[in-house]
Amino acid sequence: MTRAHTSLVLLVLCAALAACSSTPPPPDWQMAARISLDRAAEAWLQGNDRVAEAELQRARRELRSTGQPALLARAELHHCATRVAALQPGACPAFEALAVDAAPPEQAYARYLAGRATEADRALLPPAQRQPLADVADPLSRLVAAGVRLQTGQITPAEVALAVDTASARGWRRPLLAWLGVQRDRALQAGQTAEAARLQRRMDLATAR
């Protein structure tokens, strides 16, 4: 490589680095809120309510600092979605208080979580909520979709088993117990007492300290 060529390469590299350094980093509140929301979800799914609540409150403080209710509404939906994943659906009052300022995709997602999504809502949902359950790559999104399918009476035994396997692989005790409970109850209804007993043993193990 000639000296002139080397100088040209260095010049291009320096220009590229300068361009990168001129890009402003994301604001602190954005990163802090994202980290806290992820930690809150992980802790709640594992059954650690104290940590989950502390992280959720931290995320809320960061988002309130922006003065943008739509951002906080999105975070509240994420919080409610974790409950659907663990088969604890219901009202999402924190979101409902902000719904008037929420964007159409968030409003559609709220109806989806409640099992009331319309055909028009479908195009506004995240890609994971428009795919077949087995094709959803993200574990939490997969469990949320499974929870909605259970609410609407569309879930299959294979999908229940997939939800159990998903929660088990992540070590998420709360949804694991909920989905194992679904399997156990269905086994009992079918008169499969040995299978129900096996599933109960798994539940007992998951709750052991």
N, C-alpha and C. Protein backbone atom coordinates (compact mmCIF):
# COMPACT_ATOMS: atom_id res chain seq x y z
N MET A 1 0.85 -1.19 0.00
CA MET A 1 0.00 0.00 0.00
C MET A 1 0.89 1.24 0.00
N THR A 2 0.65 2.20 -0.90
CA THR A 2 1.46 3.40 -0.98
C THR A 2 1.10 4.35 0.15
N ARG A 3 2.02 5.31 0.40
CA ARG A 3 1.75 6.29 1.45
C ARG A 3 0.52 7.12 1.11
N ALA A 4 0.38 7.45 -0.19
CA ALA A 4 -0.77 8.24 -0.61
C ALA A 4 -2.07 7.48 -0.36
N HIS A 5 -2.03 6.16 -0.65
CA HIS A 5 -3.22 5.32 -0.44
C HIS A 5 -3.54 5.25 1.05
N THR A 6 -2.49 5.07 1.86
CA THR A 6 -2.69 5.00 3.30
C THR A 6 -3.29 6.30 3.83
N SER A 7 -2.80 7.41 3.34
CA SER A 7 -3.31 8.71 3.78
C SER A 7 -4.78 8.87 3.41
N LEU A 8 -5.14 8.38 2.21
CA LEU A 8 -6.52 8.47 1.76
C LEU A 8 -7.44 7.63 2.65
N VAL A 9 -6.98 6.40 2.98
CA VAL A 9 -7.77 5.53 3.85
C VAL A 9 -7.98 6.17 5.21
N LEU A 10 -6.89 6.75 5.76
CA LEU A 10 -7.00 7.39 7.07
C LEU A 10 -7.94 8.59 7.01
N LEU A 11 -7.89 9.32 5.90
CA LEU A 11 -8.76 10.48 5.75
C LEU A 11 -10.22 10.06 5.73
N VAL A 12 -10.51 8.98 4.97
CA VAL A 12 -11.89 8.48 4.90
C VAL A 12 -12.34 7.98 6.26
N LEU A 13 -11.44 7.26 6.97
CA LEU A 13 -11.78 6.73 8.29
C LEU A 13 -12.06 7.86 9.27
N CYS A 14 -11.22 8.89 9.24
CA CYS A 14 -11.44 10.02 10.14
C CYS A 14 -12.76 10.72 9.84
N ALA A 15 -13.08 10.83 8.55
CA ALA A 15 -14.34 11.47 8.18
C ALA A 15 -15.52 10.65 8.68
N ALA A 16 -15.40 9.31 8.56
CA ALA A 16 -16.48 8.44 9.03
C ALA A 16 -16.65 8.55 10.54
N LEU A 17 -15.53 8.58 11.26
CA LEU A 17 -15.60 8.70 12.71
C LEU A 17 -16.19 10.04 13.11
N ALA A 18 -15.84 11.08 12.38
CA ALA A 18 -16.38 12.40 12.68
C ALA A 18 -17.88 12.42 12.48
N ALA A 19 -18.33 11.74 11.40
CA ALA A 19 -19.76 11.69 11.13
C ALA A 19 -20.49 10.95 12.24
N CYS A 20 -19.88 9.84 12.71
CA CYS A 20 -20.50 9.07 13.78
C CYS A 20 -20.57 9.89 15.06
N SER A 21 -19.49 10.60 15.35
CA SER A 21 -19.46 11.35 16.61
C SER A 21 -20.40 12.54 16.58
N SER A 22 -20.80 12.99 15.36
CA SER A 22 -21.70 14.13 15.28
C SER A 22 -23.15 13.72 15.49
N THR A 23 -23.42 12.40 15.51
CA THR A 23 -24.78 11.92 15.76
C THR A 23 -25.07 12.01 17.26
N PRO A 24 -26.09 12.75 17.64
CA PRO A 24 -26.35 12.90 19.08
C PRO A 24 -26.79 11.58 19.70
N PRO A 25 -26.32 11.26 20.89
CA PRO A 25 -26.75 10.03 21.55
C PRO A 25 -28.21 10.14 21.96
N PRO A 26 -28.88 9.02 22.18
CA PRO A 26 -30.27 9.10 22.64
C PRO A 26 -30.33 9.77 24.00
N PRO A 27 -31.40 10.47 24.29
CA PRO A 27 -31.50 11.15 25.58
C PRO A 27 -31.49 10.15 26.74
N ASP A 28 -31.00 10.60 27.88
CA ASP A 28 -30.87 9.72 29.04
C ASP A 28 -32.21 9.11 29.45
N TRP A 29 -33.28 9.92 29.39
CA TRP A 29 -34.58 9.41 29.84
C TRP A 29 -35.02 8.21 29.01
N GLN A 30 -34.69 8.24 27.72
CA GLN A 30 -35.13 7.17 26.83
C GLN A 30 -34.48 5.84 27.20
N MET A 31 -33.17 5.88 27.41
CA MET A 31 -32.46 4.65 27.77
C MET A 31 -32.87 4.17 29.16
N ALA A 32 -33.00 5.11 30.10
CA ALA A 32 -33.36 4.74 31.47
C ALA A 32 -34.76 4.12 31.51
N ALA A 33 -35.69 4.70 30.77
CA ALA A 33 -37.06 4.17 30.75
C ALA A 33 -37.10 2.79 30.13
N ARG A 34 -36.36 2.60 29.04
CA ARG A 34 -36.36 1.30 28.37
C ARG A 34 -35.78 0.22 29.27
N ILE A 35 -34.68 0.53 29.93
CA ILE A 35 -34.04 -0.44 30.83
C ILE A 35 -34.98 -0.79 31.98
N SER A 36 -35.60 0.23 32.56
CA SER A 36 -36.49 -0.02 33.70
C SER A 36 -37.72 -0.81 33.30
N LEU A 37 -38.28 -0.53 32.13
CA LEU A 37 -39.44 -1.29 31.67
C LEU A 37 -39.08 -2.76 31.45
N ASP A 38 -37.93 -3.00 30.86
CA ASP A 38 -37.50 -4.38 30.63
C ASP A 38 -37.26 -5.10 31.96
N ARG A 39 -36.64 -4.40 32.90
CA ARG A 39 -36.39 -5.01 34.21
C ARG A 39 -37.69 -5.26 34.96
N ALA A 40 -38.64 -4.34 34.84
CA ALA A 40 -39.93 -4.51 35.51
C ALA A 40 -40.65 -5.73 34.97
N ALA A 41 -40.65 -5.88 33.65
CA ALA A 41 -41.33 -7.04 33.04
C ALA A 41 -40.65 -8.34 33.46
N GLU A 42 -39.34 -8.36 33.39
CA GLU A 42 -38.60 -9.58 33.75
C GLU A 42 -38.85 -9.96 35.20
N ALA A 43 -38.80 -8.98 36.10
CA ALA A 43 -39.01 -9.26 37.52
C ALA A 43 -40.43 -9.75 37.78
N TRP A 44 -41.41 -9.12 37.14
CA TRP A 44 -42.80 -9.53 37.38
C TRP A 44 -43.03 -10.94 36.86
N LEU A 45 -42.51 -11.25 35.68
CA LEU A 45 -42.70 -12.58 35.12
C LEU A 45 -42.02 -13.65 35.98
N GLN A 46 -40.95 -13.27 36.65
CA GLN A 46 -40.27 -14.20 37.55
C GLN A 46 -40.96 -14.31 38.91
N GLY A 47 -41.90 -13.40 39.17
CA GLY A 47 -42.62 -13.43 40.44
C GLY A 47 -42.05 -12.51 41.49
N ASN A 48 -41.17 -11.58 41.10
CA ASN A 48 -40.55 -10.65 42.04
C ASN A 48 -41.29 -9.32 41.98
N ASP A 49 -42.37 -9.21 42.74
CA ASP A 49 -43.23 -8.03 42.68
C ASP A 49 -42.54 -6.76 43.17
N ARG A 50 -41.70 -6.89 44.19
CA ARG A 50 -41.06 -5.70 44.77
C ARG A 50 -40.16 -5.01 43.74
N VAL A 51 -39.32 -5.79 43.09
CA VAL A 51 -38.43 -5.22 42.08
C VAL A 51 -39.23 -4.71 40.89
N ALA A 52 -40.24 -5.46 40.49
CA ALA A 52 -41.06 -5.06 39.35
C ALA A 52 -41.71 -3.70 39.58
N GLU A 53 -42.26 -3.50 40.76
CA GLU A 53 -42.94 -2.23 41.06
C GLU A 53 -41.94 -1.08 41.12
N ALA A 54 -40.78 -1.31 41.71
CA ALA A 54 -39.77 -0.25 41.80
C ALA A 54 -39.29 0.17 40.41
N GLU A 55 -39.05 -0.80 39.54
CA GLU A 55 -38.58 -0.48 38.19
C GLU A 55 -39.68 0.19 37.37
N LEU A 56 -40.91 -0.24 37.56
CA LEU A 56 -42.02 0.37 36.82
C LEU A 56 -42.18 1.83 37.23
N GLN A 57 -42.09 2.12 38.51
CA GLN A 57 -42.21 3.50 38.97
C GLN A 57 -41.06 4.35 38.43
N ARG A 58 -39.87 3.77 38.34
CA ARG A 58 -38.72 4.50 37.80
C ARG A 58 -38.96 4.83 36.32
N ALA A 59 -39.48 3.87 35.58
CA ALA A 59 -39.77 4.12 34.16
C ALA A 59 -40.83 5.20 34.01
N ARG A 60 -41.85 5.15 34.85
CA ARG A 60 -42.91 6.16 34.78
C ARG A 60 -42.36 7.56 35.04
N ARG A 61 -41.46 7.69 36.02
CA ARG A 61 -40.87 9.00 36.31
C ARG A 61 -40.10 9.53 35.10
N GLU A 62 -39.33 8.67 34.47
CA GLU A 62 -38.56 9.09 33.30
C GLU A 62 -39.48 9.55 32.17
N LEU A 63 -40.54 8.81 31.94
CA LEU A 63 -41.44 9.15 30.84
C LEU A 63 -42.27 10.39 31.14
N ARG A 64 -42.64 10.58 32.39
CA ARG A 64 -43.38 11.80 32.75
C ARG A 64 -42.54 13.04 32.52
N SER A 65 -41.22 12.89 32.62
CA SER A 65 -40.34 14.06 32.44
C SER A 65 -40.43 14.63 31.04
N THR A 66 -40.94 13.86 30.07
CA THR A 66 -41.06 14.34 28.70
C THR A 66 -42.33 15.15 28.48
N GLY A 67 -43.29 15.01 29.38
CA GLY A 67 -44.57 15.69 29.19
C GLY A 67 -45.37 15.15 28.03
N GLN A 68 -45.07 13.91 27.61
CA GLN A 68 -45.76 13.32 26.46
C GLN A 68 -46.60 12.12 26.93
N PRO A 69 -47.89 12.31 27.11
CA PRO A 69 -48.73 11.21 27.61
C PRO A 69 -48.74 9.99 26.70
N ALA A 70 -48.53 10.18 25.40
CA ALA A 70 -48.54 9.04 24.49
C ALA A 70 -47.41 8.06 24.81
N LEU A 71 -46.26 8.58 25.24
CA LEU A 71 -45.14 7.71 25.60
C LEU A 71 -45.46 6.91 26.86
N LEU A 72 -46.06 7.57 27.83
CA LEU A 72 -46.43 6.88 29.06
C LEU A 72 -47.52 5.85 28.78
N ALA A 73 -48.45 6.19 27.89
CA ALA A 73 -49.51 5.24 27.53
C ALA A 73 -48.93 3.97 26.94
N ARG A 74 -47.91 4.12 26.10
CA ARG A 74 -47.26 2.95 25.49
C ARG A 74 -46.62 2.07 26.56
N ALA A 75 -45.99 2.71 27.55
CA ALA A 75 -45.36 1.95 28.63
C ALA A 75 -46.40 1.22 29.47
N GLU A 76 -47.53 1.85 29.72
CA GLU A 76 -48.57 1.20 30.51
C GLU A 76 -49.14 -0.01 29.76
N LEU A 77 -49.22 0.08 28.46
CA LEU A 77 -49.68 -1.07 27.67
C LEU A 77 -48.69 -2.23 27.78
N HIS A 78 -47.42 -1.90 27.74
CA HIS A 78 -46.39 -2.93 27.88
C HIS A 78 -46.54 -3.64 29.23
N HIS A 79 -46.80 -2.84 30.25
CA HIS A 79 -47.00 -3.38 31.60
C HIS A 79 -48.21 -4.32 31.63
N CYS A 80 -49.31 -3.90 31.01
CA CYS A 80 -50.51 -4.73 30.99
C CYS A 80 -50.32 -5.98 30.15
N ALA A 81 -49.52 -5.88 29.10
CA ALA A 81 -49.28 -7.04 28.23
C ALA A 81 -48.60 -8.17 28.99
N THR A 82 -47.71 -7.83 29.94
CA THR A 82 -47.06 -8.89 30.71
C THR A 82 -48.08 -9.67 31.52
N ARG A 83 -49.13 -9.03 31.94
CA ARG A 83 -50.18 -9.72 32.69
C ARG A 83 -50.99 -10.65 31.80
N VAL A 84 -51.23 -10.22 30.59
CA VAL A 84 -51.93 -11.09 29.64
C VAL A 84 -51.08 -12.34 29.37
N ALA A 85 -49.76 -12.16 29.30
CA ALA A 85 -48.86 -13.29 29.07
C ALA A 85 -48.97 -14.33 30.17
N ALA A 86 -49.27 -13.87 31.39
CA ALA A 86 -49.40 -14.77 32.54
C ALA A 86 -50.86 -15.06 32.86
N LEU A 87 -51.73 -14.82 31.89
CA LEU A 87 -53.16 -15.12 32.02
C LEU A 87 -53.82 -14.35 33.16
N GLN A 88 -53.43 -13.08 33.28
CA GLN A 88 -54.08 -12.18 34.23
C GLN A 88 -54.63 -10.97 33.46
N PRO A 89 -55.51 -11.22 32.49
CA PRO A 89 -56.06 -10.10 31.72
C PRO A 89 -57.05 -9.31 32.57
N GLY A 90 -57.49 -8.23 32.02
CA GLY A 90 -58.45 -7.40 32.72
C GLY A 90 -58.28 -5.96 32.31
N ALA A 91 -58.89 -5.08 33.06
CA ALA A 91 -58.79 -3.66 32.75
C ALA A 91 -57.35 -3.19 32.88
N CYS A 92 -57.03 -2.17 32.11
CA CYS A 92 -55.69 -1.57 32.16
C CYS A 92 -55.89 -0.09 32.51
N PRO A 93 -56.25 0.18 33.77
CA PRO A 93 -56.68 1.54 34.14
C PRO A 93 -55.63 2.61 33.92
N ALA A 94 -54.36 2.28 34.12
CA ALA A 94 -53.32 3.29 33.92
C ALA A 94 -53.27 3.73 32.45
N PHE A 95 -53.49 2.78 31.54
CA PHE A 95 -53.55 3.16 30.13
C PHE A 95 -54.84 3.91 29.83
N GLU A 96 -55.94 3.43 30.36
CA GLU A 96 -57.24 4.04 30.06
C GLU A 96 -57.25 5.52 30.45
N ALA A 97 -56.52 5.87 31.51
CA ALA A 97 -56.45 7.26 31.93
C ALA A 97 -55.71 8.13 30.91
N LEU A 98 -54.92 7.48 30.06
CA LEU A 98 -54.12 8.20 29.06
C LEU A 98 -54.60 7.95 27.64
N ALA A 99 -55.62 7.14 27.48
CA ALA A 99 -56.03 6.65 26.16
C ALA A 99 -56.40 7.77 25.20
N VAL A 100 -56.94 8.87 25.72
CA VAL A 100 -57.36 9.95 24.84
C VAL A 100 -56.19 10.54 24.07
N ASP A 101 -54.98 10.45 24.63
CA ASP A 101 -53.78 10.98 23.97
C ASP A 101 -52.96 9.90 23.29
N ALA A 102 -53.41 8.65 23.36
CA ALA A 102 -52.65 7.55 22.76
C ALA A 102 -52.85 7.54 21.25
N ALA A 103 -51.82 7.09 20.55
CA ALA A 103 -51.89 6.98 19.09
C ALA A 103 -52.79 5.81 18.70
N PRO A 104 -53.32 5.81 17.48
CA PRO A 104 -54.18 4.70 17.04
C PRO A 104 -53.57 3.31 17.21
N PRO A 105 -52.26 3.10 16.93
CA PRO A 105 -51.72 1.75 17.15
C PRO A 105 -51.80 1.31 18.61
N GLU A 106 -51.59 2.24 19.54
CA GLU A 106 -51.69 1.87 20.96
C GLU A 106 -53.14 1.57 21.34
N GLN A 107 -54.08 2.34 20.80
CA GLN A 107 -55.48 2.07 21.09
C GLN A 107 -55.91 0.71 20.53
N ALA A 108 -55.40 0.39 19.34
CA ALA A 108 -55.70 -0.92 18.74
C ALA A 108 -55.09 -2.04 19.58
N TYR A 109 -53.88 -1.81 20.08
CA TYR A 109 -53.21 -2.84 20.89
C TYR A 109 -53.95 -3.06 22.20
N ALA A 110 -54.49 -1.98 22.77
CA ALA A 110 -55.27 -2.12 24.01
C ALA A 110 -56.50 -2.99 23.78
N ARG A 111 -57.17 -2.77 22.66
CA ARG A 111 -58.33 -3.62 22.35
C ARG A 111 -57.90 -5.06 22.10
N TYR A 112 -56.75 -5.22 21.49
CA TYR A 112 -56.22 -6.57 21.25
C TYR A 112 -55.97 -7.29 22.57
N LEU A 113 -55.33 -6.61 23.52
CA LEU A 113 -55.05 -7.23 24.82
C LEU A 113 -56.32 -7.63 25.54
N ALA A 114 -57.39 -6.88 25.31
CA ALA A 114 -58.67 -7.18 25.95
C ALA A 114 -59.47 -8.21 25.18
N GLY A 115 -58.91 -8.70 24.05
CA GLY A 115 -59.62 -9.68 23.24
C GLY A 115 -60.74 -9.08 22.42
N ARG A 116 -60.64 -7.76 22.15
CA ARG A 116 -61.71 -7.08 21.42
C ARG A 116 -61.21 -6.41 20.15
N ALA A 117 -60.10 -6.87 19.61
CA ALA A 117 -59.54 -6.25 18.40
C ALA A 117 -60.48 -6.48 17.22
N THR A 118 -60.61 -5.45 16.40
CA THR A 118 -61.43 -5.54 15.19
C THR A 118 -60.53 -5.88 14.00
N GLU A 119 -61.14 -6.15 12.88
CA GLU A 119 -60.36 -6.43 11.67
C GLU A 119 -59.55 -5.20 11.28
N ALA A 120 -60.11 -4.02 11.49
CA ALA A 120 -59.38 -2.79 11.17
C ALA A 120 -58.17 -2.61 12.08
N ASP A 121 -58.28 -3.10 13.32
CA ASP A 121 -57.15 -2.99 14.26
C ASP A 121 -55.96 -3.82 13.82
N ARG A 122 -56.22 -4.90 13.13
CA ARG A 122 -55.17 -5.87 12.82
C ARG A 122 -53.98 -5.23 12.10
N ALA A 123 -54.26 -4.33 11.18
CA ALA A 123 -53.17 -3.69 10.42
C ALA A 123 -52.33 -2.78 11.30
N LEU A 124 -52.86 -2.36 12.45
CA LEU A 124 -52.14 -1.45 13.33
C LEU A 124 -51.33 -2.17 14.40
N LEU A 125 -51.51 -3.48 14.51
CA LEU A 125 -50.84 -4.24 15.56
C LEU A 125 -49.38 -4.48 15.21
N PRO A 126 -48.54 -4.72 16.22
CA PRO A 126 -47.14 -5.09 15.95
C PRO A 126 -47.08 -6.36 15.12
N PRO A 127 -46.03 -6.55 14.33
CA PRO A 127 -45.93 -7.74 13.48
C PRO A 127 -46.12 -9.05 14.24
N ALA A 128 -45.59 -9.12 15.47
CA ALA A 128 -45.68 -10.36 16.24
C ALA A 128 -47.12 -10.74 16.53
N GLN A 129 -48.00 -9.73 16.62
CA GLN A 129 -49.40 -10.01 16.92
C GLN A 129 -50.22 -10.28 15.66
N ARG A 130 -49.55 -10.32 14.52
CA ARG A 130 -50.23 -10.64 13.26
C ARG A 130 -49.72 -11.95 12.66
N GLN A 131 -48.81 -12.61 13.36
CA GLN A 131 -48.22 -13.85 12.86
C GLN A 131 -48.85 -15.06 13.53
N PRO A 132 -48.73 -16.23 12.90
CA PRO A 132 -49.09 -17.47 13.60
C PRO A 132 -48.24 -17.59 14.87
N LEU A 133 -48.81 -18.14 15.91
CA LEU A 133 -48.13 -18.17 17.20
C LEU A 133 -46.75 -18.83 17.12
N ALA A 134 -46.65 -19.91 16.39
CA ALA A 134 -45.38 -20.64 16.30
C ALA A 134 -44.29 -19.84 15.60
N ASP A 135 -44.68 -18.81 14.85
CA ASP A 135 -43.70 -18.00 14.11
C ASP A 135 -43.23 -16.79 14.89
N VAL A 136 -43.80 -16.54 16.06
CA VAL A 136 -43.42 -15.36 16.85
C VAL A 136 -42.11 -15.66 17.56
N ALA A 137 -41.08 -14.88 17.24
CA ALA A 137 -39.74 -15.17 17.77
C ALA A 137 -39.56 -14.68 19.20
N ASP A 138 -40.09 -13.51 19.52
CA ASP A 138 -39.88 -12.93 20.85
C ASP A 138 -40.70 -13.69 21.88
N PRO A 139 -40.08 -14.19 22.96
CA PRO A 139 -40.82 -15.00 23.94
C PRO A 139 -42.00 -14.28 24.59
N LEU A 140 -41.80 -13.02 24.99
CA LEU A 140 -42.89 -12.31 25.65
C LEU A 140 -44.04 -12.06 24.67
N SER A 141 -43.72 -11.65 23.46
CA SER A 141 -44.76 -11.43 22.45
C SER A 141 -45.52 -12.72 22.17
N ARG A 142 -44.80 -13.84 22.18
CA ARG A 142 -45.45 -15.14 21.94
C ARG A 142 -46.43 -15.46 23.05
N LEU A 143 -46.03 -15.20 24.30
CA LEU A 143 -46.92 -15.48 25.42
C LEU A 143 -48.12 -14.53 25.44
N VAL A 144 -47.89 -13.28 25.06
CA VAL A 144 -49.00 -12.33 24.97
C VAL A 144 -50.01 -12.81 23.94
N ALA A 145 -49.51 -13.20 22.77
CA ALA A 145 -50.40 -13.68 21.71
C ALA A 145 -51.15 -14.93 22.17
N ALA A 146 -50.47 -15.81 22.88
CA ALA A 146 -51.12 -17.02 23.39
C ALA A 146 -52.21 -16.65 24.40
N GLY A 147 -51.92 -15.67 25.26
CA GLY A 147 -52.91 -15.25 26.24
C GLY A 147 -54.16 -14.69 25.59
N VAL A 148 -53.97 -13.92 24.53
CA VAL A 148 -55.12 -13.37 23.81
C VAL A 148 -55.91 -14.49 23.13
N ARG A 149 -55.20 -15.44 22.56
CA ARG A 149 -55.88 -16.56 21.90
C ARG A 149 -56.67 -17.40 22.91
N LEU A 150 -56.16 -17.52 24.13
CA LEU A 150 -56.92 -18.23 25.15
C LEU A 150 -58.18 -17.45 25.51
N GLN A 151 -58.05 -16.13 25.65
CA GLN A 151 -59.21 -15.29 25.97
C GLN A 151 -60.31 -15.44 24.93
N THR A 152 -59.91 -15.50 23.67
CA THR A 152 -60.89 -15.52 22.58
C THR A 152 -61.31 -16.93 22.18
N GLY A 153 -60.82 -17.93 22.92
CA GLY A 153 -61.22 -19.31 22.67
C GLY A 153 -60.65 -19.91 21.41
N GLN A 154 -59.52 -19.38 20.93
CA GLN A 154 -58.94 -19.86 19.68
C GLN A 154 -57.72 -20.74 19.87
N ILE A 155 -57.22 -20.84 21.08
CA ILE A 155 -55.94 -21.53 21.28
C ILE A 155 -56.10 -23.04 21.15
N THR A 156 -55.06 -23.68 20.62
CA THR A 156 -55.04 -25.13 20.45
C THR A 156 -54.19 -25.76 21.55
N PRO A 157 -54.35 -27.07 21.79
CA PRO A 157 -53.48 -27.73 22.78
C PRO A 157 -51.99 -27.58 22.46
N ALA A 158 -51.64 -27.62 21.18
CA ALA A 158 -50.24 -27.46 20.80
C ALA A 158 -49.73 -26.07 21.17
N GLU A 159 -50.59 -25.07 21.04
CA GLU A 159 -50.20 -23.70 21.38
C GLU A 159 -50.08 -23.52 22.89
N VAL A 160 -50.93 -24.21 23.65
CA VAL A 160 -50.79 -24.18 25.11
C VAL A 160 -49.44 -24.79 25.50
N ALA A 161 -49.10 -25.90 24.87
CA ALA A 161 -47.81 -26.55 25.15
C ALA A 161 -46.65 -25.63 24.78
N LEU A 162 -46.79 -24.89 23.68
CA LEU A 162 -45.75 -23.95 23.27
C LEU A 162 -45.60 -22.83 24.30
N ALA A 163 -46.71 -22.36 24.84
CA ALA A 163 -46.65 -21.33 25.88
C ALA A 163 -45.95 -21.85 27.13
N VAL A 164 -46.25 -23.09 27.51
CA VAL A 164 -45.58 -23.69 28.67
C VAL A 164 -44.08 -23.78 28.41
N ASP A 165 -43.70 -24.26 27.25
CA ASP A 165 -42.28 -24.41 26.92
C ASP A 165 -41.57 -23.06 26.89
N THR A 166 -42.26 -22.05 26.39
CA THR A 166 -41.67 -20.71 26.30
C THR A 166 -41.39 -20.15 27.69
N ALA A 167 -42.38 -20.23 28.57
CA ALA A 167 -42.21 -19.72 29.93
C ALA A 167 -41.14 -20.51 30.68
N SER A 168 -41.14 -21.82 30.48
CA SER A 168 -40.16 -22.67 31.16
C SER A 168 -38.74 -22.34 30.72
N ALA A 169 -38.55 -22.17 29.42
CA ALA A 169 -37.21 -21.88 28.89
C ALA A 169 -36.66 -20.57 29.42
N ARG A 170 -37.54 -19.60 29.69
CA ARG A 170 -37.10 -18.30 30.18
C ARG A 170 -37.00 -18.25 31.71
N GLY A 171 -37.52 -19.28 32.38
CA GLY A 171 -37.53 -19.24 33.83
C GLY A 171 -38.53 -18.25 34.38
N TRP A 172 -39.61 -18.03 33.63
CA TRP A 172 -40.65 -17.08 34.05
C TRP A 172 -41.70 -17.84 34.85
N ARG A 173 -41.54 -17.83 36.15
CA ARG A 173 -42.38 -18.65 37.03
C ARG A 173 -43.87 -18.31 36.92
N ARG A 174 -44.18 -17.03 36.84
CA ARG A 174 -45.59 -16.64 36.88
C ARG A 174 -46.37 -17.16 35.67
N PRO A 175 -45.95 -16.89 34.45
CA PRO A 175 -46.70 -17.47 33.32
C PRO A 175 -46.57 -18.98 33.24
N LEU A 176 -45.45 -19.53 33.69
CA LEU A 176 -45.31 -20.99 33.66
C LEU A 176 -46.39 -21.65 34.51
N LEU A 177 -46.60 -21.15 35.72
CA LEU A 177 -47.63 -21.72 36.59
C LEU A 177 -49.02 -21.57 35.97
N ALA A 178 -49.26 -20.41 35.36
CA ALA A 178 -50.57 -20.18 34.76
C ALA A 178 -50.84 -21.14 33.61
N TRP A 179 -49.86 -21.31 32.74
CA TRP A 179 -50.07 -22.17 31.57
C TRP A 179 -50.06 -23.65 31.95
N LEU A 180 -49.24 -24.03 32.93
CA LEU A 180 -49.31 -25.40 33.43
C LEU A 180 -50.69 -25.67 34.03
N GLY A 181 -51.24 -24.66 34.69
CA GLY A 181 -52.58 -24.80 35.25
C GLY A 181 -53.63 -25.05 34.18
N VAL A 182 -53.48 -24.39 33.04
CA VAL A 182 -54.40 -24.62 31.92
C VAL A 182 -54.28 -26.07 31.45
N GLN A 183 -53.05 -26.53 31.28
CA GLN A 183 -52.85 -27.92 30.85
C GLN A 183 -53.42 -28.91 31.87
N ARG A 184 -53.15 -28.66 33.14
CA ARG A 184 -53.64 -29.57 34.19
C ARG A 184 -55.16 -29.63 34.20
N ASP A 185 -55.80 -28.47 34.13
CA ASP A 185 -57.27 -28.44 34.17
C ASP A 185 -57.87 -29.15 32.96
N ARG A 186 -57.25 -28.99 31.81
CA ARG A 186 -57.76 -29.67 30.62
C ARG A 186 -57.56 -31.18 30.73
N ALA A 187 -56.45 -31.58 31.34
CA ALA A 187 -56.22 -33.02 31.54
C ALA A 187 -57.26 -33.60 32.49
N LEU A 188 -57.58 -32.86 33.54
CA LEU A 188 -58.60 -33.33 34.49
C LEU A 188 -59.96 -33.44 33.81
N GLN A 189 -60.29 -32.44 32.99
CA GLN A 189 -61.57 -32.47 32.30
C GLN A 189 -61.67 -33.65 31.34
N ALA A 190 -60.52 -34.06 30.81
CA ALA A 190 -60.50 -35.20 29.88
C ALA A 190 -60.35 -36.53 30.60
N GLY A 191 -60.31 -36.50 31.94
CA GLY A 191 -60.17 -37.72 32.71
C GLY A 191 -58.76 -38.29 32.71
N GLN A 192 -57.78 -37.47 32.34
CA GLN A 192 -56.38 -37.92 32.28
C GLN A 192 -55.71 -37.62 33.62
N THR A 193 -56.04 -38.41 34.61
CA THR A 193 -55.58 -38.12 35.97
C THR A 193 -54.07 -38.24 36.13
N ALA A 194 -53.46 -39.20 35.45
CA ALA A 194 -52.00 -39.36 35.56
C ALA A 194 -51.29 -38.15 34.97
N GLU A 195 -51.78 -37.66 33.83
CA GLU A 195 -51.18 -36.48 33.21
C GLU A 195 -51.39 -35.25 34.08
N ALA A 196 -52.58 -35.13 34.67
CA ALA A 196 -52.85 -34.00 35.55
C ALA A 196 -51.92 -34.03 36.76
N ALA A 197 -51.67 -35.22 37.30
CA ALA A 197 -50.77 -35.34 38.44
C ALA A 197 -49.34 -34.95 38.06
N ARG A 198 -48.93 -35.33 36.86
CA ARG A 198 -47.58 -34.98 36.39
C ARG A 198 -47.44 -33.46 36.27
N LEU A 199 -48.46 -32.82 35.74
CA LEU A 199 -48.42 -31.37 35.58
C LEU A 199 -48.45 -30.67 36.94
N GLN A 200 -49.20 -31.23 37.88
CA GLN A 200 -49.22 -30.65 39.23
C GLN A 200 -47.84 -30.75 39.88
N ARG A 201 -47.14 -31.85 39.63
CA ARG A 201 -45.78 -31.97 40.18
C ARG A 201 -44.86 -30.89 39.62
N ARG A 202 -45.03 -30.58 38.35
CA ARG A 202 -44.24 -29.50 37.76
C ARG A 202 -44.57 -28.16 38.42
N MET A 203 -45.84 -27.94 38.69
CA MET A 203 -46.26 -26.70 39.34
C MET A 203 -45.70 -26.63 40.76
N ASP A 204 -45.74 -27.74 41.46
CA ASP A 204 -45.20 -27.77 42.83
C ASP A 204 -43.71 -27.47 42.83
N LEU A 205 -43.01 -28.02 41.85
CA LEU A 205 -41.56 -27.77 41.75
C LEU A 205 -41.28 -26.30 41.47
N ALA A 206 -42.09 -25.69 40.60
CA ALA A 206 -41.87 -24.29 40.24
C ALA A 206 -42.14 -23.34 41.40
N THR A 207 -42.97 -23.77 42.35
CA THR A 207 -43.29 -22.90 43.49
C THR A 207 -42.41 -23.19 44.70
N ALA A 208 -41.60 -24.24 44.63
CA ALA A 208 -40.73 -24.59 45.76
C ALA A 208 -39.66 -23.52 45.95
N ARG A 209 -39.34 -23.24 47.18
CA ARG A 209 -38.31 -22.24 47.49
C ARG A 209 -37.07 -22.92 48.06
